[in-house]
C-alpha atoms as a PDB file:
ATOM      1  CA  MET A   1    -121.772  80.117 -42.029  1.00  0.00           C
ATOM      2  CA  MET A   2    -124.028  77.861 -44.056  1.00  0.00           C
ATOM      3  CA  GLN A   3    -126.258  75.518 -42.102  1.00  0.00           C
ATOM      4  CA  THR A   4    -127.111  72.103 -43.450  1.00  0.00           C
ATOM      5  CA  GLN A   5    -130.558  70.755 -42.896  1.00  0.00           C
ATOM      6  CA  SER A   6    -131.377  67.213 -41.942  1.00  0.00           C
ATOM      7  CA  PRO A   7    -133.344  65.291 -44.525  1.00  0.00           C
ATOM      8  CA  PRO A   8    -137.076  65.239 -43.839  1.00  0.00           C
ATOM      9  CA  ALA A   9    -138.552  62.318 -41.952  1.00  0.00           C
ATOM     10  CA  PRO A  10    -140.060  59.602 -44.114  1.00  0.00           C
ATOM     11  CA  ALA A  11    -143.825  59.725 -44.581  1.00  0.00           C
ATOM     12  CA  ASP A  12    -144.218  56.633 -42.393  1.00  0.00           C
ATOM     13  CA  TRP A  13    -142.165  58.061 -39.480  1.00  0.00           C
ATOM     14  CA  PRO A  14    -143.707  56.596 -36.291  1.00  0.00           C
ATOM     15  CA  LYS A  15    -146.164  58.627 -34.268  1.00  0.00           C
ATOM     16  CA  THR A  16    -146.494  58.836 -30.501  1.00  0.00           C
ATOM     17  CA  GLY A  17    -148.358  55.776 -29.243  1.00  0.00           C
ATOM     18  CA  GLU A  18    -147.178  53.393 -31.962  1.00  0.00           C
ATOM     19  CA  GLU A  19    -146.231  50.001 -30.539  1.00  0.00           C
ATOM     20  CA  ILE A  20    -143.542  47.501 -31.405  1.00  0.00           C
ATOM     21  CA  GLY A  21    -143.240  43.808 -30.676  1.00  0.00           C
ATOM     22  CA  PRO A  22    -143.403  41.601 -28.944  1.00  0.00           C
ATOM     23  CA  LEU A  23    -140.254  39.976 -30.295  1.00  0.00           C
ATOM     24  CA  GLY A  24    -138.823  36.896 -28.623  1.00  0.00           C
ATOM     25  CA  PHE A  25    -135.171  36.162 -27.802  1.00  0.00           C
ATOM     26  CA  GLY A  26    -133.839  32.971 -26.322  1.00  0.00           C
ATOM     27  CA  PRO A  27    -134.026  30.679 -24.586  1.00  0.00           C
ATOM     28  CA  PHE A  28    -130.555  31.550 -23.333  1.00  0.00           C
ATOM     29  CA  GLU A  29    -128.810  28.219 -22.820  1.00  0.00           C
ATOM     30  CA  ARG A  30    -125.799  27.637 -20.573  1.00  0.00           C
ATOM     31  CA  GLU A  31    -123.490  27.250 -23.590  1.00  0.00           C
ATOM     32  CA  GLN A  32    -124.519  30.717 -24.763  1.00  0.00           C
ATOM     33  CA  LEU A  33    -123.819  32.142 -21.310  1.00  0.00           C
ATOM     34  CA  ALA A  34    -120.341  30.584 -21.379  1.00  0.00           C
ATOM     35  CA  ARG A  35    -119.645  32.064 -24.841  1.00  0.00           C
ATOM     36  CA  TYR A  36    -120.878  35.477 -23.708  1.00  0.00           C
ATOM     37  CA  ALA A  37    -118.698  35.297 -20.582  1.00  0.00           C
ATOM     38  CA  ALA A  38    -115.650  34.487 -22.715  1.00  0.00           C
ATOM     39  CA  VAL A  39    -116.092  37.406 -25.117  1.00  0.00           C
ATOM     40  CA  SER A  40    -117.338  39.964 -22.587  1.00  0.00           C
ATOM     41  CA  GLY A  41    -114.908  39.190 -19.798  1.00  0.00           C
ATOM     42  CA  ASP A  42    -117.843  38.837 -17.383  1.00  0.00           C
ATOM     43  CA  ASP A  43    -116.954  35.407 -16.075  1.00  0.00           C
ATOM     44  CA  ASN A  44    -118.691  35.797 -12.729  1.00  0.00           C
ATOM     45  CA  PRO A  45    -119.308  32.192 -11.598  1.00  0.00           C
ATOM     46  CA  LEU A  46    -122.875  33.127 -10.670  1.00  0.00           C
ATOM     47  CA  HIS A  47    -123.673  33.075 -14.419  1.00  0.00           C
ATOM     48  CA  LEU A  48    -121.748  29.890 -15.145  1.00  0.00           C
ATOM     49  CA  ASP A  49    -121.891  27.524 -12.189  1.00  0.00           C
ATOM     50  CA  ALA A  50    -125.201  26.027 -11.079  1.00  0.00           C
ATOM     51  CA  ARG A  51    -123.821  25.384  -7.570  1.00  0.00           C
ATOM     52  CA  VAL A  52    -122.938  29.062  -7.122  1.00  0.00           C
ATOM     53  CA  ALA A  53    -126.370  30.102  -8.427  1.00  0.00           C
ATOM     54  CA  THR A  54    -128.073  27.661  -6.051  1.00  0.00           C
ATOM     55  CA  ALA A  55    -126.035  28.999  -3.131  1.00  0.00           C
ATOM     56  CA  ALA A  56    -127.275  32.482  -4.084  1.00  0.00           C
ATOM     57  CA  GLY A  57    -130.884  31.262  -3.928  1.00  0.00           C
ATOM     58  CA  LEU A  58    -131.478  30.840  -7.674  1.00  0.00           C
ATOM     59  CA  ALA A  59    -132.773  27.710  -9.375  1.00  0.00           C
ATOM     60  CA  ALA A  60    -130.239  28.104 -12.232  1.00  0.00           C
ATOM     61  CA  PRO A  61    -127.532  30.545 -13.320  1.00  0.00           C
ATOM     62  CA  PRO A  62    -128.955  33.947 -14.276  1.00  0.00           C
ATOM     63  CA  VAL A  63    -128.501  35.324 -17.784  1.00  0.00           C
ATOM     64  CA  HIS A  64    -126.037  38.212 -17.961  1.00  0.00           C
ATOM     65  CA  GLY A  65    -128.000  41.475 -17.922  1.00  0.00           C
ATOM     66  CA  MET A  66    -125.926  42.953 -20.720  1.00  0.00           C
ATOM     67  CA  LEU A  67    -126.547  39.873 -22.867  1.00  0.00           C
ATOM     68  CA  MET A  68    -130.277  40.490 -22.551  1.00  0.00           C
ATOM     69  CA  LEU A  69    -129.823  44.216 -23.150  1.00  0.00           C
ATOM     70  CA  SER A  70    -127.933  43.395 -26.358  1.00  0.00           C
ATOM     71  CA  CYS A  71    -131.213  41.992 -27.719  1.00  0.00           C
ATOM     72  CA  PHE A  72    -132.877  45.411 -27.700  1.00  0.00           C
ATOM     73  CA  GLU A  73    -131.046  46.809 -30.737  1.00  0.00           C
ATOM     74  CA  PRO A  74    -131.939  43.861 -33.016  1.00  0.00           C
ATOM     75  CA  ALA A  75    -135.539  44.147 -31.798  1.00  0.00           C
ATOM     76  CA  LEU A  76    -135.576  47.834 -32.733  1.00  0.00           C
ATOM     77  CA  LEU A  77    -133.918  47.205 -36.102  1.00  0.00           C
ATOM     78  CA  GLY A  78    -136.446  44.447 -36.778  1.00  0.00           C
ATOM     79  CA  TRP A  79    -139.137  47.079 -36.336  1.00  0.00           C
ATOM     80  CA  ARG A  80    -137.439  49.780 -38.488  1.00  0.00           C
ATOM     81  CA  ARG A  81    -134.277  49.504 -40.551  1.00  0.00           C
ATOM     82  CA  ASP A  82    -133.923  53.295 -40.963  1.00  0.00           C
ATOM     83  CA  ILE A  83    -132.950  54.104 -37.372  1.00  0.00           C
ATOM     84  CA  ILE A  84    -129.860  54.135 -35.193  1.00  0.00           C
ATOM     85  CA  VAL A  85    -129.905  53.765 -31.428  1.00  0.00           C
ATOM     86  CA  SER A  86    -128.311  56.880 -29.957  1.00  0.00           C
ATOM     87  CA  ARG A  87    -129.089  56.089 -26.306  1.00  0.00           C
ATOM     88  CA  LEU A  88    -130.315  53.075 -24.394  1.00  0.00           C
ATOM     89  CA  SER A  89    -130.776  52.838 -20.645  1.00  0.00           C
ATOM     90  CA  ALA A  90    -132.331  50.068 -18.620  1.00  0.00           C
ATOM     91  CA  LYS A  91    -133.282  48.919 -15.167  1.00  0.00           C
ATOM     92  CA  PHE A  92    -133.101  45.216 -14.392  1.00  0.00           C
ATOM     93  CA  LEU A  93    -135.978  44.121 -12.167  1.00  0.00           C
ATOM     94  CA  ARG A  94    -135.534  40.375 -11.767  1.00  0.00           C
ATOM     95  CA  PRO A  95    -133.280  37.631 -13.083  1.00  0.00           C
ATOM     96  CA  VAL A  96    -133.930  35.507 -16.126  1.00  0.00           C
ATOM     97  CA  LEU A  97    -132.441  32.062 -15.660  1.00  0.00           C
ATOM     98  CA  ALA A  98    -130.503  29.839 -18.040  1.00  0.00           C
ATOM     99  CA  GLY A  99    -132.970  28.008 -20.265  1.00  0.00           C
ATOM    100  CA  GLN A 100    -135.430  30.907 -20.276  1.00  0.00           C
ATOM    101  CA  GLY A 101    -136.030  33.653 -22.834  1.00  0.00           C
ATOM    102  CA  ILE A 102    -137.373  37.185 -22.997  1.00  0.00           C
ATOM    103  CA  SER A 103    -139.977  38.980 -25.069  1.00  0.00           C
ATOM    104  CA  ILE A 104    -139.306  42.632 -25.944  1.00  0.00           C
ATOM    105  CA  SER A 105    -142.001  45.179 -26.737  1.00  0.00           C
ATOM    106  CA  GLY A 106    -142.354  48.926 -26.580  1.00  0.00           C
ATOM    107  CA  ARG A 107    -144.214  52.103 -27.367  1.00  0.00           C
ATOM    108  CA  VAL A 108    -143.211  55.413 -28.931  1.00  0.00           C
ATOM    109  CA  VAL A 109    -143.565  58.075 -26.224  1.00  0.00           C
ATOM    110  CA  ARG A 110    -142.134  60.973 -28.242  1.00  0.00           C
ATOM    111  CA  SER A 111    -141.769  61.542 -31.968  1.00  0.00           C
ATOM    112  CA  ASN A 112    -139.893  64.651 -33.105  1.00  0.00           C
ATOM    113  CA  LEU A 113    -139.412  65.743 -36.697  1.00  0.00           C
ATOM    114  CA  ALA A 114    -137.056  68.678 -36.184  1.00  0.00           C
ATOM    115  CA  PRO A 115    -134.238  69.454 -36.050  1.00  0.00           C
ATOM    116  CA  ARG A 116    -133.645  65.802 -36.928  1.00  0.00           C
ATOM    117  CA  PRO A 117    -136.196  62.978 -36.872  1.00  0.00           C
ATOM    118  CA  GLU A 118    -135.962  61.397 -33.423  1.00  0.00           C
ATOM    119  CA  LEU A 119    -137.975  58.886 -31.422  1.00  0.00           C
ATOM    120  CA  VAL A 120    -138.066  58.067 -27.730  1.00  0.00           C
ATOM    121  CA  LEU A 121    -139.390  54.629 -26.863  1.00  0.00           C
ATOM    122  CA  ARG A 122    -140.249  52.996 -23.565  1.00  0.00           C
ATOM    123  CA  LEU A 123    -139.343  49.342 -23.783  1.00  0.00           C
ATOM    124  CA  THR A 124    -139.974  46.281 -21.674  1.00  0.00           C
ATOM    125  CA  ALA A 125    -138.655  42.765 -21.564  1.00  0.00           C
ATOM    126  CA  ARG A 126    -140.803  40.068 -20.079  1.00  0.00           C
ATOM    127  CA  GLY A 127    -139.599  36.674 -18.971  1.00  0.00           C
ATOM    128  CA  PRO A 128    -141.381  33.417 -18.301  1.00  0.00           C
ATOM    129  CA  ASP A 129    -144.997  33.801 -17.256  1.00  0.00           C
ATOM    130  CA  ARG A 130    -144.857  37.341 -18.774  1.00  0.00           C
ATOM    131  CA  GLU A 131    -143.311  38.858 -15.622  1.00  0.00           C
ATOM    132  CA  LEU A 132    -141.548  42.168 -16.173  1.00  0.00           C
ATOM    133  CA  VAL A 133    -137.770  41.697 -16.051  1.00  0.00           C
ATOM    134  CA  ILE A 134    -136.367  44.863 -17.709  1.00  0.00           C
ATOM    135  CA  VAL A 135    -137.709  48.370 -18.261  1.00  0.00           C
ATOM    136  CA  ALA A 136    -135.773  50.519 -20.691  1.00  0.00           C
ATOM    137  CA  GLU A 137    -135.811  53.719 -22.677  1.00  0.00           C
ATOM    138  CA  ALA A 138    -134.230  54.232 -26.076  1.00  0.00           C
ATOM    139  CA  THR A 139    -133.606  57.339 -28.143  1.00  0.00           C
ATOM    140  CA  LEU A 140    -133.551  56.599 -31.857  1.00  0.00           C
ATOM    141  CA  LEU A 141    -132.428  58.829 -34.706  1.00  0.00           C
ATOM    142  CA  GLN A 142    -133.222  58.541 -38.368  1.00  0.00           C
ATOM    143  CA  LEU A 143    -130.395  56.802 -40.194  1.00  0.00           C
ATOM    144  CA  VAL A 144    -129.021  59.162 -42.795  1.00  0.00           C
ATOM    145  CA  SER A 145    -127.341  57.279 -45.613  1.00  0.00           C
ATOM    146  CA  SER A 146    -124.142  58.703 -47.058  1.00  0.00           C
ATOM    147  CA  ALA A 147    -125.872  58.850 -50.441  1.00  0.00           C
ATOM    148  CA  SER A 148    -128.368  61.392 -49.105  1.00  0.00           C
ATOM    149  CA  SER A 149    -125.891  63.541 -47.161  1.00  0.00           C
END
């Protein structure tokens, strides 16, 4: 059986320790939360109704966690266009409220060249006053164009 080899990593493939960001997203306004709720099916009133959020002890409705997590891929693609996200996991530490935004940054913690160029990044999102709101880890693979395969 003939084995195919992955194309070599580009000369500028990131090294361990390389940093990305920060890149800002938001502020997430209430209208955006309502649109996200409609398309995602997550219409929990906590995210949409200020009275429910206040009753839960929040000053405003919290931004959907998955809406914030959806900002990580564009942040990564803004850093490098030649990658695909193969895995992304996150832990949400504190809420971000309607009207607030996040700032995403990260660091390469592992850079492999074989058998296929791969990166592992530790990522963070910070909210107002730079408090940590999300910690995440992403595994990225080199995007192989159909022209080169």
